[in-house]
Amino acid sequence: MGMEGQSREHHIVALSGGKDSTAMSLRLQEVEPRDYLYVCTPTGDELPDMVEHWKRLERVLGANIIQLRAKHDLNGWIEFWNALPNGRMRWCTRVLKIEPFQAFVKRKSLDGTVTVYVGLRGDEPKRRGSVYSVDVKQRFPMREWGWNVGDVWKYLSKKNIRIPKRTDCARCFFQRLGEWWETWNNHPAIYASAEKQEADTGFTFRRKDRDSQPTGLKELREKFESGYIPKILPHPQDDPGLQQQELFDEETRCRVCEL
């Protein structure tokens, strides 16, 4: 039968660059080698370590990572809507990540079958895959392998792969107080732009009941400048005790970014 009579098979790996999707992608290449389409959905607000991590992964995988981008990046949407995303209006996840990925899958389904590989582990049974408007097969390889979070960290150590401490947006409203301090200390220009966005929109990234510290980034900066340093969590790969804990669950973190 000629190629015109055959349906193409698209194998799409959701590769955000977090620990789970990174481990899944590398292990899939070992145990089920095939031509995968590695796909990520940048928001345009990633820290430099994350951008470099994607480049390193391309070298290790020997393949390009397809970057799906929305009409605007995060800061463009903030300006367009004059609004900040928050825990009650997580439009950033929907507009910048979910919708571009689903549109890509839909396009691929027009000329063949589609299998999407998602990095959900066996120790997070409450989490589910996406719902698509077209016929798509979803696989969760780490659940098939029986992997938990400890297996992920062990595998990454074996492969000598270091995950950036932050894989989410630089100004993510879910981040902890210590992470805001690190952004202010290590990336002052990013912090300053987020502070300006609060002033321009009249909203804040942080919610009032998050902790006992100032909600607004301007007031929080002034507290940092006075010498206040909140608790700074180490990188999990530097602290074996943290590797057995899920620091970021669905209630406190954007798991789309952490996968």
C-alpha atoms as a PDB file:
ATOM      1  CA  MET A   1       0.000   0.000   0.000  1.00  0.00           C
ATOM      2  CA  GLY A   2       1.332   3.468  -0.855  1.00  0.00           C
ATOM      3  CA  MET A   3       1.953   6.146   1.698  1.00  0.00           C
ATOM      4  CA  GLU A   4      -1.209   7.939   0.566  1.00  0.00           C
ATOM      5  CA  GLY A   5      -3.259   5.072   1.990  1.00  0.00           C
ATOM      6  CA  GLN A   6      -1.584   5.083   5.387  1.00  0.00           C
ATOM      7  CA  SER A   7      -2.558   7.077   8.454  1.00  0.00           C
ATOM      8  CA  ARG A   8       0.298   8.893  10.138  1.00  0.00           C
ATOM      9  CA  GLU A   9       1.057   8.227  13.780  1.00  0.00           C
ATOM     10  CA  HIS A  10       1.912  11.230  15.931  1.00  0.00           C
ATOM     11  CA  HIS A  11       3.543  10.563  19.303  1.00  0.00           C
ATOM     12  CA  ILE A  12       3.447  13.806  21.282  1.00  0.00           C
ATOM     13  CA  VAL A  13       5.351  14.151  24.548  1.00  0.00           C
ATOM     14  CA  ALA A  14       4.219  16.939  26.872  1.00  0.00           C
ATOM     15  CA  LEU A  15       7.611  18.188  28.028  1.00  0.00           C
ATOM     16  CA  SER A  16       7.332  21.199  30.326  1.00  0.00           C
ATOM     17  CA  GLY A  17      10.846  20.653  31.632  1.00  0.00           C
ATOM     18  CA  GLY A  18       9.844  19.871  35.216  1.00  0.00           C
ATOM     19  CA  LYS A  19      11.211  16.801  36.937  1.00  0.00           C
ATOM     20  CA  ASP A  20       8.377  14.460  35.916  1.00  0.00           C
ATOM     21  CA  SER A  21       8.143  15.270  32.214  1.00  0.00           C
ATOM     22  CA  THR A  22      11.939  15.368  31.944  1.00  0.00           C
ATOM     23  CA  ALA A  23      12.353  11.930  33.496  1.00  0.00           C
ATOM     24  CA  MET A  24       9.482  10.504  31.439  1.00  0.00           C
ATOM     25  CA  SER A  25      10.893  11.854  28.163  1.00  0.00           C
ATOM     26  CA  LEU A  26      14.381  10.471  28.739  1.00  0.00           C
ATOM     27  CA  ARG A  27      13.120   7.078  29.901  1.00  0.00           C
ATOM     28  CA  LEU A  28      10.669   6.790  26.992  1.00  0.00           C
ATOM     29  CA  GLN A  29      13.541   7.279  24.574  1.00  0.00           C
ATOM     30  CA  GLU A  30      15.326   4.344  26.243  1.00  0.00           C
ATOM     31  CA  VAL A  31      12.495   1.824  26.505  1.00  0.00           C
ATOM     32  CA  GLU A  32      10.262   2.827  23.572  1.00  0.00           C
ATOM     33  CA  PRO A  33      12.488   4.509  20.984  1.00  0.00           C
ATOM     34  CA  ARG A  34      10.541   6.224  18.207  1.00  0.00           C
ATOM     35  CA  ASP A  35      10.212   9.609  16.565  1.00  0.00           C
ATOM     36  CA  TYR A  36       8.563  11.654  19.285  1.00  0.00           C
ATOM     37  CA  LEU A  37       7.328  15.220  19.031  1.00  0.00           C
ATOM     38  CA  TYR A  38       8.549  16.929  22.193  1.00  0.00           C
ATOM     39  CA  VAL A  39       6.323  19.897  22.955  1.00  0.00           C
ATOM     40  CA  CYS A  40       6.501  22.659  25.570  1.00  0.00           C
ATOM     41  CA  THR A  41       4.369  25.751  26.146  1.00  0.00           C
ATOM     42  CA  PRO A  42       6.526  28.679  27.312  1.00  0.00           C
ATOM     43  CA  THR A  43       4.808  31.639  28.926  1.00  0.00           C
ATOM     44  CA  GLY A  44       7.614  34.051  28.098  1.00  0.00           C
ATOM     45  CA  ASP A  45       8.194  34.635  31.820  1.00  0.00           C
ATOM     46  CA  GLU A  46      10.590  31.793  32.544  1.00  0.00           C
ATOM     47  CA  LEU A  47      13.769  32.422  34.517  1.00  0.00           C
ATOM     48  CA  PRO A  48      17.088  32.071  32.621  1.00  0.00           C
ATOM     49  CA  ASP A  49      17.838  28.671  34.221  1.00  0.00           C
ATOM     50  CA  MET A  50      14.662  27.256  32.706  1.00  0.00           C
ATOM     51  CA  VAL A  51      15.479  28.509  29.214  1.00  0.00           C
ATOM     52  CA  GLU A  52      18.928  26.907  29.459  1.00  0.00           C
ATOM     53  CA  HIS A  53      17.364  23.678  30.741  1.00  0.00           C
ATOM     54  CA  TRP A  54      15.255  23.337  27.577  1.00  0.00           C
ATOM     55  CA  LYS A  55      18.396  23.837  25.477  1.00  0.00           C
ATOM     56  CA  ARG A  56      20.259  21.151  27.421  1.00  0.00           C
ATOM     57  CA  LEU A  57      17.356  18.741  27.039  1.00  0.00           C
ATOM     58  CA  GLU A  58      17.393  19.230  23.281  1.00  0.00           C
ATOM     59  CA  ARG A  59      21.050  18.209  23.238  1.00  0.00           C
ATOM     60  CA  VAL A  60      20.466  15.172  25.459  1.00  0.00           C
ATOM     61  CA  LEU A  61      17.379  14.034  23.526  1.00  0.00           C
ATOM     62  CA  GLY A  62      18.954  14.781  20.161  1.00  0.00           C
ATOM     63  CA  ALA A  63      15.722  16.456  19.060  1.00  0.00           C
ATOM     64  CA  ASN A  64      14.157  19.884  18.927  1.00  0.00           C
ATOM     65  CA  ILE A  65      11.551  20.813  21.515  1.00  0.00           C
ATOM     66  CA  ILE A  66       8.593  22.426  19.760  1.00  0.00           C
ATOM     67  CA  GLN A  67       7.639  25.620  21.572  1.00  0.00           C
ATOM     68  CA  LEU A  68       3.952  26.474  21.310  1.00  0.00           C
ATOM     69  CA  ARG A  69       3.245  30.126  21.983  1.00  0.00           C
ATOM     70  CA  ALA A  70      -0.030  31.985  22.339  1.00  0.00           C
ATOM     71  CA  LYS A  71      -0.802  35.307  20.633  1.00  0.00           C
ATOM     72  CA  HIS A  72       0.799  37.164  23.567  1.00  0.00           C
ATOM     73  CA  ASP A  73       3.201  36.080  26.279  1.00  0.00           C
ATOM     74  CA  LEU A  74       2.240  36.410  29.939  1.00  0.00           C
ATOM     75  CA  ASN A  75       3.210  40.057  30.211  1.00  0.00           C
ATOM     76  CA  GLY A  76       1.476  40.838  26.933  1.00  0.00           C
ATOM     77  CA  TRP A  77      -1.782  39.371  28.224  1.00  0.00           C
ATOM     78  CA  ILE A  78      -1.446  41.280  31.507  1.00  0.00           C
ATOM     79  CA  GLU A  79      -1.167  44.508  29.521  1.00  0.00           C
ATOM     80  CA  PHE A  80      -3.954  43.508  27.100  1.00  0.00           C
ATOM     81  CA  TRP A  81      -6.454  42.696  29.869  1.00  0.00           C
ATOM     82  CA  ASN A  82      -5.044  45.102  32.472  1.00  0.00           C
ATOM     83  CA  ALA A  83      -5.350  42.252  34.956  1.00  0.00           C
ATOM     84  CA  LEU A  84      -3.066  39.890  36.839  1.00  0.00           C
ATOM     85  CA  PRO A  85      -3.655  36.138  37.013  1.00  0.00           C
ATOM     86  CA  ASN A  86      -4.367  34.753  40.464  1.00  0.00           C
ATOM     87  CA  GLY A  87      -5.536  31.615  42.222  1.00  0.00           C
ATOM     88  CA  ARG A  88      -9.184  32.342  41.381  1.00  0.00           C
ATOM     89  CA  MET A  89      -8.548  33.411  37.787  1.00  0.00           C
ATOM     90  CA  ARG A  90      -5.813  31.133  36.491  1.00  0.00           C
ATOM     91  CA  TRP A  91      -6.174  32.341  32.925  1.00  0.00           C
ATOM     92  CA  CYS A  92      -2.401  32.078  32.497  1.00  0.00           C
ATOM     93  CA  THR A  93      -2.529  28.272  32.607  1.00  0.00           C
ATOM     94  CA  ARG A  94      -5.513  28.106  30.277  1.00  0.00           C
ATOM     95  CA  VAL A  95      -4.460  30.685  27.678  1.00  0.00           C
ATOM     96  CA  LEU A  96      -0.705  30.119  27.640  1.00  0.00           C
ATOM     97  CA  LYS A  97      -0.477  26.371  28.154  1.00  0.00           C
ATOM     98  CA  ILE A  98      -3.649  24.319  27.820  1.00  0.00           C
ATOM     99  CA  GLU A  99      -5.213  26.007  24.782  1.00  0.00           C
ATOM    100  CA  PRO A 100      -2.043  26.098  22.609  1.00  0.00           C
ATOM    101  CA  PHE A 101      -1.288  22.452  23.400  1.00  0.00           C
ATOM    102  CA  GLN A 102      -4.812  21.295  22.650  1.00  0.00           C
ATOM    103  CA  ALA A 103      -4.847  23.257  19.386  1.00  0.00           C
ATOM    104  CA  PHE A 104      -1.578  21.569  18.365  1.00  0.00           C
ATOM    105  CA  VAL A 105      -2.969  18.123  19.149  1.00  0.00           C
ATOM    106  CA  LYS A 106      -6.121  18.903  17.171  1.00  0.00           C
ATOM    107  CA  ARG A 107      -4.078  19.939  14.117  1.00  0.00           C
ATOM    108  CA  LYS A 108      -2.060  16.736  14.270  1.00  0.00           C
ATOM    109  CA  SER A 109      -5.232  14.654  14.523  1.00  0.00           C
ATOM    110  CA  LEU A 110      -6.379  15.896  11.110  1.00  0.00           C
ATOM    111  CA  ASP A 111      -3.889  13.694   9.251  1.00  0.00           C
ATOM    112  CA  GLY A 112      -3.429  10.699  11.526  1.00  0.00           C
ATOM    113  CA  THR A 113      -3.663   9.145  14.947  1.00  0.00           C
ATOM    114  CA  VAL A 114      -2.362  10.925  18.033  1.00  0.00           C
ATOM    115  CA  THR A 115      -0.905   9.539  21.251  1.00  0.00           C
ATOM    116  CA  VAL A 116      -0.082  12.043  23.987  1.00  0.00           C
ATOM    117  CA  TYR A 117       2.386  11.102  26.722  1.00  0.00           C
ATOM    118  CA  VAL A 118       1.897  12.877  30.055  1.00  0.00           C
ATOM    119  CA  GLY A 119       4.138  12.794  33.138  1.00  0.00           C
ATOM    120  CA  LEU A 120       1.664  11.762  35.826  1.00  0.00           C
ATOM    121  CA  ARG A 121       3.089   9.427  38.463  1.00  0.00           C
ATOM    122  CA  GLY A 122       1.648   6.486  40.293  1.00  0.00           C
ATOM    123  CA  ASP A 123       1.662   8.325  43.638  1.00  0.00           C
ATOM    124  CA  GLU A 124      -0.690  11.100  42.475  1.00  0.00           C
ATOM    125  CA  PRO A 125      -3.838   9.095  41.596  1.00  0.00           C
ATOM    126  CA  LYS A 126      -6.225  12.056  41.847  1.00  0.00           C
ATOM    127  CA  ARG A 127      -4.680  13.795  38.873  1.00  0.00           C
ATOM    128  CA  ARG A 128      -6.179  13.183  35.445  1.00  0.00           C
ATOM    129  CA  GLY A 129      -5.195  13.865  31.866  1.00  0.00           C
ATOM    130  CA  SER A 130      -6.734  16.489  29.606  1.00  0.00           C
ATOM    131  CA  VAL A 131     -10.053  16.326  27.790  1.00  0.00           C
ATOM    132  CA  TYR A 132      -9.761  16.817  24.032  1.00  0.00           C
ATOM    133  CA  SER A 133     -12.338  17.676  21.391  1.00  0.00           C
ATOM    134  CA  VAL A 134     -10.848  15.045  19.056  1.00  0.00           C
ATOM    135  CA  ASP A 135     -10.022  11.371  19.394  1.00  0.00           C
ATOM    136  CA  VAL A 136      -6.701  11.209  21.257  1.00  0.00           C
ATOM    137  CA  LYS A 137      -5.032   8.360  23.090  1.00  0.00           C
ATOM    138  CA  GLN A 138      -3.397   9.429  26.346  1.00  0.00           C
ATOM    139  CA  ARG A 139      -0.685   7.457  28.055  1.00  0.00           C
ATOM    140  CA  PHE A 140       0.886   7.939  31.462  1.00  0.00           C
ATOM    141  CA  PRO A 141       4.134   5.955  31.206  1.00  0.00           C
ATOM    142  CA  MET A 142       5.305   6.568  34.758  1.00  0.00           C
ATOM    143  CA  ARG A 143       2.099   5.060  36.074  1.00  0.00           C
ATOM    144  CA  GLU A 144       2.662   2.110  33.772  1.00  0.00           C
ATOM    145  CA  TRP A 145       6.151   1.756  35.263  1.00  0.00           C
ATOM    146  CA  GLY A 146       4.870   2.181  38.820  1.00  0.00           C
ATOM    147  CA  TRP A 147       7.083   5.216  39.406  1.00  0.00           C
ATOM    148  CA  ASN A 148       6.663   7.544  42.377  1.00  0.00           C
ATOM    149  CA  VAL A 149       8.427  10.827  43.133  1.00  0.00           C
ATOM    150  CA  GLY A 150      11.406   9.033  44.634  1.00  0.00           C
ATOM    151  CA  ASP A 151      11.886   7.016  41.448  1.00  0.00           C
ATOM    152  CA  VAL A 152      11.867  10.238  39.428  1.00  0.00           C
ATOM    153  CA  TRP A 153      14.617  11.876  41.482  1.00  0.00           C
ATOM    154  CA  LYS A 154      16.667   8.666  41.509  1.00  0.00           C
ATOM    155  CA  TYR A 155      16.469   8.368  37.727  1.00  0.00           C
ATOM    156  CA  LEU A 156      17.414  12.013  37.164  1.00  0.00           C
ATOM    157  CA  SER A 157      20.433  11.562  39.458  1.00  0.00           C
ATOM    158  CA  LYS A 158      21.464   8.501  37.483  1.00  0.00           C
ATOM    159  CA  LYS A 159      21.218  10.472  34.240  1.00  0.00           C
ATOM    160  CA  ASN A 160      23.090  13.426  35.789  1.00  0.00           C
ATOM    161  CA  ILE A 161      20.209  15.759  34.962  1.00  0.00           C
ATOM    162  CA  ARG A 162      19.625  18.760  37.221  1.00  0.00           C
ATOM    163  CA  ILE A 163      16.192  20.364  37.153  1.00  0.00           C
ATOM    164  CA  PRO A 164      16.036  24.140  37.669  1.00  0.00           C
ATOM    165  CA  LYS A 165      14.868  25.105  41.131  1.00  0.00           C
ATOM    166  CA  ARG A 166      12.107  27.166  39.510  1.00  0.00           C
ATOM    167  CA  THR A 167      10.312  25.741  36.467  1.00  0.00           C
ATOM    168  CA  ASP A 168       7.265  28.011  36.701  1.00  0.00           C
ATOM    169  CA  CYS A 169       6.810  31.681  35.843  1.00  0.00           C
ATOM    170  CA  ALA A 170       9.135  34.195  37.476  1.00  0.00           C
ATOM    171  CA  ARG A 171       6.112  36.100  38.837  1.00  0.00           C
ATOM    172  CA  CYS A 172       3.864  33.117  39.563  1.00  0.00           C
ATOM    173  CA  PHE A 173       1.233  34.021  42.164  1.00  0.00           C
ATOM    174  CA  PHE A 174       1.618  30.546  43.692  1.00  0.00           C
ATOM    175  CA  GLN A 175       5.290  31.006  44.591  1.00  0.00           C
ATOM    176  CA  ARG A 176       6.406  31.113  48.186  1.00  0.00           C
ATOM    177  CA  LEU A 177       7.703  34.123  50.077  1.00  0.00           C
ATOM    178  CA  GLY A 178      11.271  32.838  49.844  1.00  0.00           C
ATOM    179  CA  GLU A 179      10.949  32.564  46.080  1.00  0.00           C
ATOM    180  CA  TRP A 180       9.814  36.177  45.831  1.00  0.00           C
ATOM    181  CA  TRP A 181      12.913  37.098  47.850  1.00  0.00           C
ATOM    182  CA  GLU A 182      15.123  35.109  45.461  1.00  0.00           C
ATOM    183  CA  THR A 183      13.494  36.837  42.484  1.00  0.00           C
ATOM    184  CA  TRP A 184      14.084  40.241  44.093  1.00  0.00           C
ATOM    185  CA  ASN A 185      17.668  39.335  45.015  1.00  0.00           C
ATOM    186  CA  ASN A 186      18.727  37.481  41.856  1.00  0.00           C
ATOM    187  CA  HIS A 187      16.530  39.039  39.170  1.00  0.00           C
ATOM    188  CA  PRO A 188      15.785  42.615  40.263  1.00  0.00           C
ATOM    189  CA  ALA A 189      14.601  43.718  36.808  1.00  0.00           C
ATOM    190  CA  ILE A 190      11.924  41.011  36.767  1.00  0.00           C
ATOM    191  CA  TYR A 191      10.811  41.893  40.277  1.00  0.00           C
ATOM    192  CA  ALA A 192      10.658  45.587  39.359  1.00  0.00           C
ATOM    193  CA  SER A 193       8.499  44.874  36.305  1.00  0.00           C
ATOM    194  CA  ALA A 194       6.101  42.756  38.401  1.00  0.00           C
ATOM    195  CA  GLU A 195       5.942  45.546  40.983  1.00  0.00           C
ATOM    196  CA  LYS A 196       5.071  48.013  38.206  1.00  0.00           C
ATOM    197  CA  GLN A 197       2.331  45.706  36.927  1.00  0.00           C
ATOM    198  CA  GLU A 198       0.730  45.778  40.365  1.00  0.00           C
ATOM    199  CA  ALA A 199       0.817  49.575  40.364  1.00  0.00           C
ATOM    200  CA  ASP A 200      -0.568  49.795  36.814  1.00  0.00           C
ATOM    201  CA  THR A 201      -3.426  47.311  37.294  1.00  0.00           C
ATOM    202  CA  GLY A 202      -4.332  48.009  40.916  1.00  0.00           C
ATOM    203  CA  PHE A 203      -4.101  44.286  41.724  1.00  0.00           C
ATOM    204  CA  THR A 204      -1.508  42.143  43.490  1.00  0.00           C
ATOM    205  CA  PHE A 205       0.049  38.796  42.631  1.00  0.00           C
ATOM    206  CA  ARG A 206       0.022  37.737  46.279  1.00  0.00           C
ATOM    207  CA  ARG A 207      -3.215  37.314  48.175  1.00  0.00           C
ATOM    208  CA  LYS A 208      -3.717  38.849  51.611  1.00  0.00           C
ATOM    209  CA  ASP A 209      -4.162  35.596  53.520  1.00  0.00           C
ATOM    210  CA  ARG A 210      -1.071  33.879  52.065  1.00  0.00           C
ATOM    211  CA  ASP A 211       1.159  34.798  55.022  1.00  0.00           C
ATOM    212  CA  SER A 212       1.776  37.548  57.562  1.00  0.00           C
ATOM    213  CA  GLN A 213       4.026  39.616  55.299  1.00  0.00           C
ATOM    214  CA  PRO A 214       2.995  42.563  53.064  1.00  0.00           C
ATOM    215  CA  THR A 215       0.800  41.593  50.133  1.00  0.00           C
ATOM    216  CA  GLY A 216       2.009  44.184  47.629  1.00  0.00           C
ATOM    217  CA  LEU A 217       5.398  43.719  45.983  1.00  0.00           C
ATOM    218  CA  LYS A 218       6.377  47.344  46.689  1.00  0.00           C
ATOM    219  CA  GLU A 219       5.878  46.917  50.438  1.00  0.00           C
ATOM    220  CA  LEU A 220       7.458  43.474  50.302  1.00  0.00           C
ATOM    221  CA  ARG A 221      10.520  44.909  48.540  1.00  0.00           C
ATOM    222  CA  GLU A 222      10.854  47.523  51.241  1.00  0.00           C
ATOM    223  CA  LYS A 223      10.783  44.728  53.829  1.00  0.00           C
ATOM    224  CA  PHE A 224      13.493  42.848  51.916  1.00  0.00           C
ATOM    225  CA  GLU A 225      15.581  46.015  51.638  1.00  0.00           C
ATOM    226  CA  SER A 226      15.374  46.436  55.413  1.00  0.00           C
ATOM    227  CA  GLY A 227      17.211  43.124  55.792  1.00  0.00           C
ATOM    228  CA  TYR A 228      14.332  40.675  56.168  1.00  0.00           C
ATOM    229  CA  ILE A 229      15.116  37.260  54.633  1.00  0.00           C
ATOM    230  CA  PRO A 230      12.325  34.658  54.698  1.00  0.00           C
ATOM    231  CA  LYS A 231      12.877  30.920  54.822  1.00  0.00           C
ATOM    232  CA  ILE A 232      14.610  29.776  51.644  1.00  0.00           C
ATOM    233  CA  LEU A 233      14.014  26.155  50.678  1.00  0.00           C
ATOM    234  CA  PRO A 234      17.005  24.334  49.176  1.00  0.00           C
ATOM    235  CA  HIS A 235      16.856  22.645  45.813  1.00  0.00           C
ATOM    236  CA  PRO A 236      15.368  19.138  46.271  1.00  0.00           C
ATOM    237  CA  GLN A 237      18.344  17.652  44.449  1.00  0.00           C
ATOM    238  CA  ASP A 238      20.571  19.089  47.178  1.00  0.00           C
ATOM    239  CA  ASP A 239      18.426  17.733  50.022  1.00  0.00           C
ATOM    240  CA  PRO A 240      17.469  14.024  49.898  1.00  0.00           C
ATOM    241  CA  GLY A 241      14.830  14.622  52.540  1.00  0.00           C
ATOM    242  CA  LEU A 242      12.892  16.910  50.233  1.00  0.00           C
ATOM    243  CA  GLN A 243      12.919  14.429  47.381  1.00  0.00           C
ATOM    244  CA  GLN A 244      10.312  12.274  49.083  1.00  0.00           C
ATOM    245  CA  GLN A 245       7.915  15.171  49.510  1.00  0.00           C
ATOM    246  CA  GLU A 246       5.561  16.754  47.044  1.00  0.00           C
ATOM    247  CA  LEU A 247       6.247  20.391  47.829  1.00  0.00           C
ATOM    248  CA  PHE A 248       3.841  21.694  45.240  1.00  0.00           C
ATOM    249  CA  ASP A 249       0.335  20.204  45.147  1.00  0.00           C
ATOM    250  CA  GLU A 250      -2.676  21.296  43.122  1.00  0.00           C
ATOM    251  CA  GLU A 251      -3.843  23.673  45.828  1.00  0.00           C
ATOM    252  CA  THR A 252      -0.601  25.628  46.119  1.00  0.00           C
ATOM    253  CA  ARG A 253       1.149  25.317  42.777  1.00  0.00           C
ATOM    254  CA  CYS A 254       0.505  25.298  39.049  1.00  0.00           C
ATOM    255  CA  ARG A 255       1.158  21.621  38.389  1.00  0.00           C
ATOM    256  CA  VAL A 256       1.092  22.202  34.622  1.00  0.00           C
ATOM    257  CA  CYS A 257       4.346  24.110  35.095  1.00  0.00           C
ATOM    258  CA  GLU A 258       5.834  21.615  37.518  1.00  0.00           C
ATOM    259  CA  LEU A 259       5.359  18.461  35.458  1.00  0.00           C
END
